[in-house]
Protein backbone atom coordinates (compact mmCIF):
# COMPACT_ATOMS: atom_id res chain seq x y z
CA UNK A 1 0.00 0.00 0.00
CA UNK A 2 1.60 3.25 -1.16
CA UNK A 3 1.83 6.15 1.25
CA UNK A 4 2.63 9.81 0.90
CA UNK A 5 4.46 12.12 3.27
CA UNK A 6 4.23 15.87 3.07
CA UNK A 7 7.37 17.87 3.76
CA UNK A 8 6.24 20.92 5.74
CA UNK A 9 7.08 24.48 4.76
CA UNK A 10 9.08 24.85 8.00
CA UNK A 11 12.25 24.61 5.95
CA UNK A 12 15.09 27.05 5.56
CA UNK A 13 15.85 28.41 2.10
CA UNK A 14 18.98 26.25 2.03
CA UNK A 15 16.95 23.11 2.79
CA UNK A 16 14.42 23.97 0.07
CA UNK A 17 17.29 24.42 -2.39
CA UNK A 18 18.68 20.98 -1.51
CA UNK A 19 15.25 19.39 -1.98
CA UNK A 20 15.02 21.01 -5.42
CA UNK A 21 18.39 19.43 -6.24
CA UNK A 22 16.96 16.03 -5.27
CA UNK A 23 14.05 16.63 -7.65
CA UNK A 24 16.46 17.31 -10.52
CA UNK A 25 18.78 14.38 -9.74
CA UNK A 26 18.53 10.61 -9.32
CA UNK A 27 19.74 10.24 -5.73
CA UNK A 28 16.45 8.69 -4.54
CA UNK A 29 16.00 6.13 -7.34
CA UNK A 30 17.77 3.38 -5.44
CA UNK A 31 15.52 4.02 -2.41
CA UNK A 32 12.36 3.17 -4.42
CA UNK A 33 10.60 6.43 -3.54
CA UNK A 34 9.48 9.45 -5.53
CA UNK A 35 9.89 13.08 -4.51
CA UNK A 36 7.48 15.47 -6.23
CA UNK A 37 6.72 19.18 -5.90
CA UNK A 38 3.15 20.44 -5.92
CA UNK A 39 2.97 24.22 -5.88
CA UNK A 40 5.25 25.09 -2.94
CA UNK A 41 4.98 21.72 -1.19
CA UNK A 42 7.25 18.66 -1.40
CA UNK A 43 5.66 15.19 -1.30
CA UNK A 44 7.50 11.90 -0.71
CA UNK A 45 5.64 8.79 -1.95
CA UNK A 46 6.32 5.06 -1.84
CA UNK A 47 5.94 1.97 0.35
CA UNK A 48 6.10 2.67 4.11
CA UNK A 49 9.40 0.80 4.60
CA UNK A 50 11.07 2.76 1.79
CA UNK A 51 9.69 6.12 2.92
CA UNK A 52 11.28 5.61 6.35
CA UNK A 53 14.69 4.94 4.77
CA UNK A 54 14.27 7.90 2.40
CA UNK A 55 13.48 10.23 5.31
CA UNK A 56 16.80 9.34 6.92
CA UNK A 57 18.59 9.73 3.57
CA UNK A 58 17.08 13.17 2.92
CA UNK A 59 17.82 14.22 6.51
CA UNK A 60 21.50 13.47 5.99
CA UNK A 61 21.54 15.40 2.71
CA UNK A 62 19.77 18.60 3.71
CA UNK A 63 20.50 18.93 7.43
CA UNK A 64 23.38 21.29 8.05
CA UNK A 65 23.97 20.78 11.78
CA UNK A 66 22.82 18.85 14.84
CA UNK A 67 20.42 21.65 15.87
CA UNK A 68 18.49 21.24 12.63
CA UNK A 69 18.52 17.47 13.05
CA UNK A 70 16.58 17.83 16.32
CA UNK A 71 13.88 19.76 14.46
CA UNK A 72 13.68 17.30 11.56
CA UNK A 73 10.82 15.03 12.64
CA UNK A 74 8.06 17.69 12.57
CA UNK A 75 8.92 18.50 8.95
CA UNK A 76 7.12 15.33 7.79
CA UNK A 77 3.41 14.56 8.08
CA UNK A 78 2.00 11.18 7.01
CA UNK A 79 -0.88 12.00 4.67
CA UNK A 80 -2.08 8.40 4.34
CA UNK A 81 -2.06 7.88 8.10
CA UNK A 82 -3.96 11.12 8.76
CA UNK A 83 -6.66 10.13 6.32
CA UNK A 84 -7.11 6.76 7.98
CA UNK A 85 -7.27 7.97 11.59
CA UNK A 86 -9.45 10.28 13.65
CA UNK A 87 -10.53 10.99 17.25
CA UNK A 88 -11.73 7.42 17.80
CA UNK A 89 -8.40 6.03 16.64
CA UNK A 90 -6.54 8.33 19.03
CA UNK A 91 -8.74 7.12 21.86
CA UNK A 92 -7.97 3.50 21.02
CA UNK A 93 -4.26 4.27 20.90
CA UNK A 94 -4.42 5.79 24.38
CA UNK A 95 -6.08 2.68 25.69
CA UNK A 96 -3.52 0.43 24.04
CA UNK A 97 -0.66 2.27 25.73
CA UNK A 98 -2.06 1.32 29.13
CA UNK A 99 -2.36 -2.32 28.11
CA UNK A 100 1.14 -2.77 26.65
CA UNK A 101 2.97 -5.96 27.71
CA UNK A 102 6.63 -5.96 28.68
CA UNK A 103 9.21 -4.63 26.21
CA UNK A 104 10.47 -8.11 25.47
CA UNK A 105 7.01 -9.50 24.73
CA UNK A 106 6.14 -6.47 22.62
CA UNK A 107 9.33 -6.79 20.58
CA UNK A 108 8.80 -10.50 19.99
CA UNK A 109 5.21 -9.88 18.95
CA UNK A 110 6.23 -7.12 16.52
CA UNK A 111 8.92 -9.28 14.93
CA UNK A 112 6.44 -12.12 14.52
CA UNK A 113 3.88 -9.82 12.93
CA UNK A 114 6.52 -8.40 10.57
CA UNK A 115 7.26 -11.90 9.33
CA UNK A 116 3.60 -12.27 8.32
CA UNK A 117 3.49 -9.01 6.32
CA UNK A 118 4.30 -9.05 2.60
CA UNK A 119 6.98 -6.40 1.85
CA UNK A 120 5.33 -5.66 -1.50
CA UNK A 121 1.65 -5.11 -0.65
CA UNK A 122 2.23 -4.53 3.10
CA UNK A 123 -0.74 -6.78 3.90
CA UNK A 124 -0.85 -10.16 5.68
CA UNK A 125 0.88 -12.76 3.48
CA UNK A 126 -1.52 -14.85 1.42
CA UNK A 127 -0.26 -18.14 -0.08
CA UNK A 128 3.30 -17.62 1.21
CA UNK A 129 6.20 -17.91 -1.24
CA UNK A 130 9.74 -18.02 0.24
CA UNK A 131 12.70 -17.19 -2.03
CA UNK A 132 15.27 -19.98 -1.83
CA UNK A 133 18.48 -17.91 -1.70
CA UNK A 134 17.60 -15.10 0.71
CA UNK A 135 14.57 -16.65 2.50
CA UNK A 136 12.45 -13.50 2.19
CA UNK A 137 8.73 -14.27 2.11
CA UNK A 138 5.96 -12.72 -0.01
CA UNK A 139 2.43 -13.34 -1.23
CA UNK A 140 2.80 -15.70 -4.18
CA UNK A 141 0.83 -13.40 -6.49
CA UNK A 142 2.91 -10.36 -5.43
CA UNK A 143 6.33 -11.96 -5.97
CA UNK A 144 5.25 -13.62 -9.23
CA UNK A 145 4.26 -10.23 -10.63
CA UNK A 146 7.43 -8.55 -9.31
CA UNK A 147 9.64 -11.18 -10.95
CA UNK A 148 8.09 -10.47 -14.35
CA UNK A 149 9.59 -6.96 -14.14
CA UNK A 150 12.94 -7.76 -12.54
CA UNK A 151 14.30 -11.13 -11.43
CA UNK A 152 15.64 -9.95 -8.09
CA UNK A 153 14.38 -10.02 -4.51
CA UNK A 154 12.51 -6.73 -3.91
CA UNK A 155 13.98 -6.56 -0.38
CA UNK A 156 17.68 -7.38 -0.80
CA UNK A 157 18.18 -7.43 -4.62
CA UNK A 158 19.48 -11.02 -4.64
CA UNK A 159 19.42 -12.11 -8.30
CA UNK A 160 17.27 -15.08 -9.36
CA UNK A 161 17.87 -16.46 -12.82
CA UNK A 162 19.70 -14.62 -15.58
CA UNK A 163 19.24 -10.87 -15.51
CA UNK A 164 18.10 -9.50 -18.89
CA UNK A 165 18.01 -5.83 -19.78
CA UNK A 166 16.27 -3.73 -22.45
CA UNK A 167 19.38 -2.93 -24.49
CA UNK A 168 18.77 -2.27 -28.22
CA UNK A 169 20.31 -4.56 -30.82
CA UNK A 170 23.94 -4.00 -31.73
CA UNK A 171 27.46 -5.45 -31.84
CA UNK A 172 30.50 -5.39 -29.57
CA UNK A 173 33.99 -5.68 -31.06
CA UNK A 174 37.50 -5.30 -29.64
CA UNK A 175 41.07 -4.72 -30.75
CA UNK A 176 44.38 -4.16 -28.95
CA UNK A 177 46.67 -1.18 -29.48
CA UNK A 178 50.25 -0.69 -28.32
CA UNK A 179 49.71 2.66 -26.57
CA UNK A 180 49.17 2.60 -22.81
CA UNK A 181 46.50 4.10 -20.60
CA UNK A 182 47.60 6.54 -17.89
CA UNK A 183 48.44 4.53 -14.80
CA UNK A 184 49.22 1.37 -16.80
CA UNK A 185 52.61 2.08 -18.46
CA UNK A 186 53.67 -1.57 -18.77
CA UNK A 187 50.87 -2.83 -21.01
CA UNK A 188 48.91 -1.90 -24.10
CA UNK A 189 45.24 -1.02 -24.36
CA UNK A 190 42.07 -2.93 -25.20
CA UNK A 191 39.75 -0.79 -27.33
CA UNK A 192 36.07 -1.76 -27.24
CA UNK A 193 33.68 -0.56 -29.95
CA UNK A 194 29.93 -0.77 -29.45
CA UNK A 195 27.86 -0.29 -32.62
CA UNK A 196 24.21 0.06 -31.65
CA UNK A 197 21.41 -0.07 -34.22
CA UNK A 198 18.46 2.30 -34.45
CA UNK A 199 14.95 0.98 -33.93
CA UNK A 200 11.56 1.40 -32.26
CA UNK A 201 11.14 1.63 -28.49
CA UNK A 202 9.50 -1.40 -26.86
CA UNK A 203 7.19 -1.66 -23.84
CA UNK A 204 10.27 -1.67 -21.59
CA UNK A 205 11.37 1.77 -22.82
CA UNK A 206 10.03 5.23 -21.83
CA UNK A 207 8.03 5.87 -25.04
CA UNK A 208 6.95 2.61 -26.74
CA UNK A 209 6.43 2.95 -30.47
CA UNK A 210 8.72 5.95 -30.90
CA UNK A 211 12.00 5.61 -32.83
CA UNK A 212 15.56 5.95 -31.57
CA UNK A 213 18.69 6.55 -33.65
CA UNK A 214 21.76 4.38 -34.13
CA UNK A 215 24.93 5.28 -32.26
CA UNK A 216 28.43 4.01 -31.49
CA UNK A 217 30.60 4.17 -28.39
CA UNK A 218 34.25 3.40 -27.60
CA UNK A 219 35.67 2.31 -24.26
CA UNK A 220 39.13 1.34 -23.04
CA UNK A 221 40.72 -1.19 -20.68
CA UNK A 222 44.34 -1.95 -19.81
CA UNK A 223 45.58 -4.98 -21.76
CA UNK A 224 46.60 -6.98 -18.69
CA UNK A 225 45.15 -9.91 -16.75
CA UNK A 226 42.68 -7.78 -14.84
CA UNK A 227 41.60 -5.87 -17.95
CA UNK A 228 40.99 -9.10 -19.86
CA UNK A 229 38.90 -10.48 -16.98
CA UNK A 230 36.80 -7.32 -17.01
CA UNK A 231 36.40 -7.62 -20.79
CA UNK A 232 34.84 -11.07 -20.34
CA UNK A 233 32.41 -9.65 -17.79
CA UNK A 234 31.51 -6.84 -20.18
CA UNK A 235 30.89 -9.35 -22.99
CA UNK A 236 28.55 -11.26 -20.71
CA UNK A 237 26.77 -8.05 -19.67
CA UNK A 238 26.40 -7.06 -23.35
CA UNK A 239 24.90 -10.46 -24.19
CA UNK A 240 22.48 -10.01 -21.29
CA UNK A 241 21.50 -6.60 -22.76
CA UNK A 242 22.73 -4.66 -19.72
CA UNK A 243 25.28 -2.22 -21.17
CA UNK A 244 22.85 0.21 -22.85
CA UNK A 245 19.24 1.30 -22.57
CA UNK A 246 16.95 3.88 -24.18
CA UNK A 247 16.26 7.00 -22.15
CA UNK A 248 17.53 10.49 -21.43
CA UNK A 249 21.19 11.26 -22.01
CA UNK A 250 22.97 12.48 -18.87
CA UNK A 251 25.46 14.31 -21.11
CA UNK A 252 23.24 16.17 -23.58
CA UNK A 253 19.82 15.92 -21.93
CA UNK A 254 18.34 14.48 -25.14
CA UNK A 255 15.40 12.11 -24.60
CA UNK A 256 14.61 8.85 -26.37
CA UNK A 257 18.23 8.06 -27.24
CA UNK A 258 20.54 5.11 -26.66
CA UNK A 259 22.47 5.79 -23.48
CA UNK A 260 24.77 4.01 -21.04
CA UNK A 261 23.11 1.86 -18.40
CA UNK A 262 24.60 1.35 -14.90
CA UNK A 263 27.89 -0.32 -15.84
CA UNK A 264 30.74 2.19 -15.85
CA UNK A 265 33.19 2.49 -18.76
CA UNK A 266 36.33 4.52 -19.39
CA UNK A 267 35.56 6.35 -22.63
CA UNK A 268 38.79 8.33 -23.05
CA UNK A 269 42.44 7.30 -23.28
CA UNK A 270 43.51 10.41 -21.39
CA UNK A 271 42.62 11.94 -18.06
CA UNK A 272 40.30 10.63 -15.40
CA UNK A 273 41.04 8.28 -12.48
CA UNK A 274 42.71 5.64 -14.65
CA UNK A 275 44.20 3.87 -11.64
CA UNK A 276 40.65 3.12 -10.50
CA UNK A 277 39.21 2.09 -13.87
CA UNK A 278 39.21 -1.62 -13.02
CA UNK A 279 37.35 -1.05 -9.78
CA UNK A 280 34.76 1.23 -11.38
CA UNK A 281 34.01 -1.25 -14.17
CA UNK A 282 33.88 -4.29 -11.91
CA UNK A 283 31.73 -2.67 -9.24
CA UNK A 284 28.30 -3.32 -10.82
CA UNK A 285 28.98 -6.93 -11.82
CA UNK A 286 27.37 -8.60 -8.80
CA UNK A 287 24.29 -6.43 -9.08
CA UNK A 288 23.77 -7.51 -12.67
CA UNK A 289 24.84 -11.13 -12.10
CA UNK A 290 27.53 -11.12 -14.79
CA UNK A 291 30.15 -13.00 -12.75
CA UNK A 292 31.02 -16.59 -13.31
CA UNK A 293 29.45 -19.14 -10.96
């Protein structure tokens, strides 16, 4: 069940500016929440468990000192909760406080209840399905539907099956050159060329039915043992359609174009943190399940 939280206007100008930066960026995408602006109000929406994590994340980003941190909690009001409660609910809550068991019993009861709640629909689990690798439990209908979009656990992102992306059709070719990359003076360079074809956006893309143009990209790796290992991982990621997608270019701002996905590449033979290129390319491999078993 989705919920919304309203960020109050009791914000400093600096805090409002930081929230506007969050609206323009992608810092909250990994937290599975959406931050929108309606007139002069900011609204945070998503599942309750993700909203809680996003609150903490936003607090760290826009709070300037410990004094502001103390005043953070009143900035949020739970719209969904306010709609569902009233004077009678407050009366019941007061009564419940007087009937609370010991802390230990209360904690055990809460943990037991949490186990019976589906993390997707936030209702009591119906026809329980337990994922074999991570042991997280869901309603069977909820997890079956979630897996049709992305074959990962919605809670911990453990990958199930072979991850497939929405990369357009194209080719990947390589060659080696004798020149060296900065930071790797003792070896040559692997040059990767991606030639991506134009086509029509599918249902997995932002605007199905609209065309996108062909493009090509070059990337570079050191021609050493580590670089060759990374090349194999990139080949696997390309075959799983994970290297590119269709969307908005972070460089030009153009929409409906072929653009890099989440796997980092070094696209220039000069400049940049070349001594960290291996780490930056290998970092996403577990997330996309491109490593060898």
